[in-house]
Amino acid sequence: MEKPLCLSCGKQSRSINYEKDGVIHYRSMCMSCIRKGKSKKPVRPAWALAGYKKKERCERCGFKAKTQKQLFVFYVDGNKKNHNYANLKTICANCSIDIEGKGAGWAPADIVPDL
């Protein structure tokens, strides 16, 4: 019988945790991942679990991002447990700083034509 693979790296076999009543119980990760402190699964934000996807442009100023890392998800009502699509907006880093720093709140951008 083969040992199951590590849930974190998926390459090495998992470590034995204990044996009880002739049944071997395995840890969820290999010893290498345990020592490195890796997590079992990548953590997805709650808005992504709710099905929201970031837009290509900032919904406040119209900035078109080259990568998704330049954009953030903003909760209009401030409640991070409210994952309604009307409450979630995609904003750029500059707008994020502006909203949080000045307490400016949500003000949508003008419509930008697609060329």
C-alpha atoms as a PDB file:
ATOM      1  CA  MET A   1       0.000   0.000   0.000  1.00  0.00           C
ATOM      2  CA  GLU A   2       1.338   3.415  -0.982  1.00  0.00           C
ATOM      3  CA  LYS A   3       1.315   6.375   1.341  1.00  0.00           C
ATOM      4  CA  PRO A   4      -0.976   9.235   0.250  1.00  0.00           C
ATOM      5  CA  LEU A   5       0.647  12.352  -1.219  1.00  0.00           C
ATOM      6  CA  CYS A   6       1.099  15.637   0.625  1.00  0.00           C
ATOM      7  CA  LEU A   7      -1.894  17.993   0.307  1.00  0.00           C
ATOM      8  CA  SER A   8       0.403  21.030   0.117  1.00  0.00           C
ATOM      9  CA  CYS A   9       3.089  20.101  -2.419  1.00  0.00           C
ATOM     10  CA  GLY A  10       1.512  16.975  -3.903  1.00  0.00           C
ATOM     11  CA  LYS A  11       4.957  15.444  -4.500  1.00  0.00           C
ATOM     12  CA  GLN A  12       6.165  13.680  -1.375  1.00  0.00           C
ATOM     13  CA  SER A  13       4.321  11.102   0.703  1.00  0.00           C
ATOM     14  CA  ARG A  14       2.606  12.142   3.913  1.00  0.00           C
ATOM     15  CA  SER A  15       4.032  11.343   7.322  1.00  0.00           C
ATOM     16  CA  ILE A  16       2.476   8.772   9.611  1.00  0.00           C
ATOM     17  CA  ASN A  17       0.663  10.436  12.471  1.00  0.00           C
ATOM     18  CA  TYR A  18      -0.364   7.403  14.543  1.00  0.00           C
ATOM     19  CA  GLU A  19      -1.658   3.833  14.337  1.00  0.00           C
ATOM     20  CA  LYS A  20      -4.828   2.759  16.132  1.00  0.00           C
ATOM     21  CA  ASP A  21      -6.564  -0.614  15.962  1.00  0.00           C
ATOM     22  CA  GLY A  22      -4.352  -1.672  13.073  1.00  0.00           C
ATOM     23  CA  VAL A  23      -5.284   1.399  10.981  1.00  0.00           C
ATOM     24  CA  ILE A  24      -2.548   3.862  10.029  1.00  0.00           C
ATOM     25  CA  HIS A  25      -3.554   7.537  10.193  1.00  0.00           C
ATOM     26  CA  TYR A  26      -1.498   9.974   8.125  1.00  0.00           C
ATOM     27  CA  ARG A  27      -0.783  13.661   8.593  1.00  0.00           C
ATOM     28  CA  SER A  28      -2.075  16.006   5.912  1.00  0.00           C
ATOM     29  CA  MET A  29       1.420  17.090   4.799  1.00  0.00           C
ATOM     30  CA  CYS A  30       4.908  15.662   4.309  1.00  0.00           C
ATOM     31  CA  MET A  31       7.658  16.472   6.811  1.00  0.00           C
ATOM     32  CA  SER A  32       9.308  18.920   4.414  1.00  0.00           C
ATOM     33  CA  CYS A  33       6.143  21.055   4.135  1.00  0.00           C
ATOM     34  CA  ILE A  34       5.522  20.808   7.881  1.00  0.00           C
ATOM     35  CA  ARG A  35       9.040  22.137   8.592  1.00  0.00           C
ATOM     36  CA  LYS A  36       8.627  24.945   6.041  1.00  0.00           C
ATOM     37  CA  GLY A  37       5.283  25.925   7.572  1.00  0.00           C
ATOM     38  CA  LYS A  38       3.329  25.643   4.330  1.00  0.00           C
ATOM     39  CA  SER A  39      -0.439  25.650   4.488  1.00  0.00           C
ATOM     40  CA  LYS A  40      -2.569  22.805   3.189  1.00  0.00           C
ATOM     41  CA  LYS A  41      -4.552  24.853   0.708  1.00  0.00           C
ATOM     42  CA  PRO A  42      -4.163  28.319  -0.727  1.00  0.00           C
ATOM     43  CA  VAL A  43      -6.549  30.671   1.042  1.00  0.00           C
ATOM     44  CA  ARG A  44      -9.107  32.257  -1.277  1.00  0.00           C
ATOM     45  CA  PRO A  45     -10.801  35.480  -0.243  1.00  0.00           C
ATOM     46  CA  ALA A  46     -14.489  35.336   0.669  1.00  0.00           C
ATOM     47  CA  TRP A  47     -15.491  37.503  -2.303  1.00  0.00           C
ATOM     48  CA  ALA A  48     -13.857  34.985  -4.670  1.00  0.00           C
ATOM     49  CA  LEU A  49     -15.653  32.107  -2.948  1.00  0.00           C
ATOM     50  CA  ALA A  50     -18.922  34.011  -3.511  1.00  0.00           C
ATOM     51  CA  GLY A  51     -18.184  34.048  -7.262  1.00  0.00           C
ATOM     52  CA  TYR A  52     -17.107  37.678  -7.727  1.00  0.00           C
ATOM     53  CA  LYS A  53     -14.336  38.289 -10.275  1.00  0.00           C
ATOM     54  CA  LYS A  54     -12.244  41.433 -10.505  1.00  0.00           C
ATOM     55  CA  LYS A  55     -12.899  43.668 -13.511  1.00  0.00           C
ATOM     56  CA  GLU A  56     -10.153  44.766 -15.916  1.00  0.00           C
ATOM     57  CA  ARG A  57     -10.620  48.431 -14.978  1.00  0.00           C
ATOM     58  CA  CYS A  58     -11.020  50.381 -11.764  1.00  0.00           C
ATOM     59  CA  GLU A  59     -14.719  51.080 -11.337  1.00  0.00           C
ATOM     60  CA  ARG A  60     -13.981  54.401  -9.647  1.00  0.00           C
ATOM     61  CA  CYS A  61     -11.405  56.133 -11.866  1.00  0.00           C
ATOM     62  CA  GLY A  62     -11.306  53.918 -14.974  1.00  0.00           C
ATOM     63  CA  PHE A  63      -7.626  52.892 -14.646  1.00  0.00           C
ATOM     64  CA  LYS A  64      -6.882  49.848 -16.836  1.00  0.00           C
ATOM     65  CA  ALA A  65      -4.571  47.476 -14.989  1.00  0.00           C
ATOM     66  CA  LYS A  66      -1.860  45.407 -16.629  1.00  0.00           C
ATOM     67  CA  THR A  67      -2.146  42.724 -13.934  1.00  0.00           C
ATOM     68  CA  GLN A  68      -4.859  41.720 -11.474  1.00  0.00           C
ATOM     69  CA  LYS A  69      -2.473  42.448  -8.587  1.00  0.00           C
ATOM     70  CA  GLN A  70      -2.944  46.171  -9.245  1.00  0.00           C
ATOM     71  CA  LEU A  71      -6.652  45.906  -8.435  1.00  0.00           C
ATOM     72  CA  PHE A  72      -8.471  45.337  -5.151  1.00  0.00           C
ATOM     73  CA  VAL A  73     -12.027  44.511  -4.134  1.00  0.00           C
ATOM     74  CA  PHE A  74     -13.837  47.273  -2.235  1.00  0.00           C
ATOM     75  CA  TYR A  75     -16.932  46.753  -0.068  1.00  0.00           C
ATOM     76  CA  VAL A  76     -19.223  49.742  -0.659  1.00  0.00           C
ATOM     77  CA  ASP A  77     -21.114  49.443   2.640  1.00  0.00           C
ATOM     78  CA  GLY A  78     -17.950  48.535   4.595  1.00  0.00           C
ATOM     79  CA  ASN A  79     -19.378  45.168   5.691  1.00  0.00           C
ATOM     80  CA  LYS A  80     -16.886  42.494   4.631  1.00  0.00           C
ATOM     81  CA  LYS A  81     -19.461  39.762   5.240  1.00  0.00           C
ATOM     82  CA  ASN A  82     -21.845  41.208   2.626  1.00  0.00           C
ATOM     83  CA  HIS A  83     -20.811  39.521  -0.641  1.00  0.00           C
ATOM     84  CA  ASN A  84     -23.684  40.855  -2.726  1.00  0.00           C
ATOM     85  CA  TYR A  85     -22.447  41.830  -6.212  1.00  0.00           C
ATOM     86  CA  ALA A  86     -23.897  45.337  -5.797  1.00  0.00           C
ATOM     87  CA  ASN A  87     -21.708  45.770  -2.700  1.00  0.00           C
ATOM     88  CA  LEU A  88     -18.448  44.637  -4.367  1.00  0.00           C
ATOM     89  CA  LYS A  89     -16.455  46.962  -6.603  1.00  0.00           C
ATOM     90  CA  THR A  90     -13.050  46.614  -8.261  1.00  0.00           C
ATOM     91  CA  ILE A  91     -10.718  49.532  -7.492  1.00  0.00           C
ATOM     92  CA  CYS A  92      -7.062  50.369  -8.163  1.00  0.00           C
ATOM     93  CA  ALA A  93      -4.394  50.950  -5.525  1.00  0.00           C
ATOM     94  CA  ASN A  94      -4.631  54.750  -5.830  1.00  0.00           C
ATOM     95  CA  CYS A  95      -8.389  54.771  -5.284  1.00  0.00           C
ATOM     96  CA  SER A  96      -7.987  52.345  -2.393  1.00  0.00           C
ATOM     97  CA  ILE A  97      -5.584  54.732  -0.662  1.00  0.00           C
ATOM     98  CA  ASP A  98      -7.815  57.715  -1.469  1.00  0.00           C
ATOM     99  CA  ILE A  99     -10.966  56.068  -0.106  1.00  0.00           C
ATOM    100  CA  GLU A 100      -9.361  54.704   3.063  1.00  0.00           C
ATOM    101  CA  GLY A 101      -7.177  57.744   3.770  1.00  0.00           C
ATOM    102  CA  LYS A 102      -9.711  60.497   3.239  1.00  0.00           C
ATOM    103  CA  GLY A 103     -12.855  58.555   4.009  1.00  0.00           C
ATOM    104  CA  ALA A 104     -14.113  59.745   0.623  1.00  0.00           C
ATOM    105  CA  GLY A 105     -16.522  56.844   0.153  1.00  0.00           C
ATOM    106  CA  TRP A 106     -17.710  55.438  -3.115  1.00  0.00           C
ATOM    107  CA  ALA A 107     -18.099  57.732  -6.128  1.00  0.00           C
ATOM    108  CA  PRO A 108     -18.231  55.902  -9.484  1.00  0.00           C
ATOM    109  CA  ALA A 109     -16.208  57.103 -12.467  1.00  0.00           C
ATOM    110  CA  ASP A 110     -17.590  58.476 -15.692  1.00  0.00           C
ATOM    111  CA  ILE A 111     -18.311  55.953 -18.422  1.00  0.00           C
ATOM    112  CA  VAL A 112     -15.204  55.314 -20.517  1.00  0.00           C
ATOM    113  CA  PRO A 113     -15.808  54.196 -24.122  1.00  0.00           C
ATOM    114  CA  ASP A 114     -14.126  51.002 -25.265  1.00  0.00           C
ATOM    115  CA  LEU A 115     -12.030  51.574 -28.346  1.00  0.00           C
END
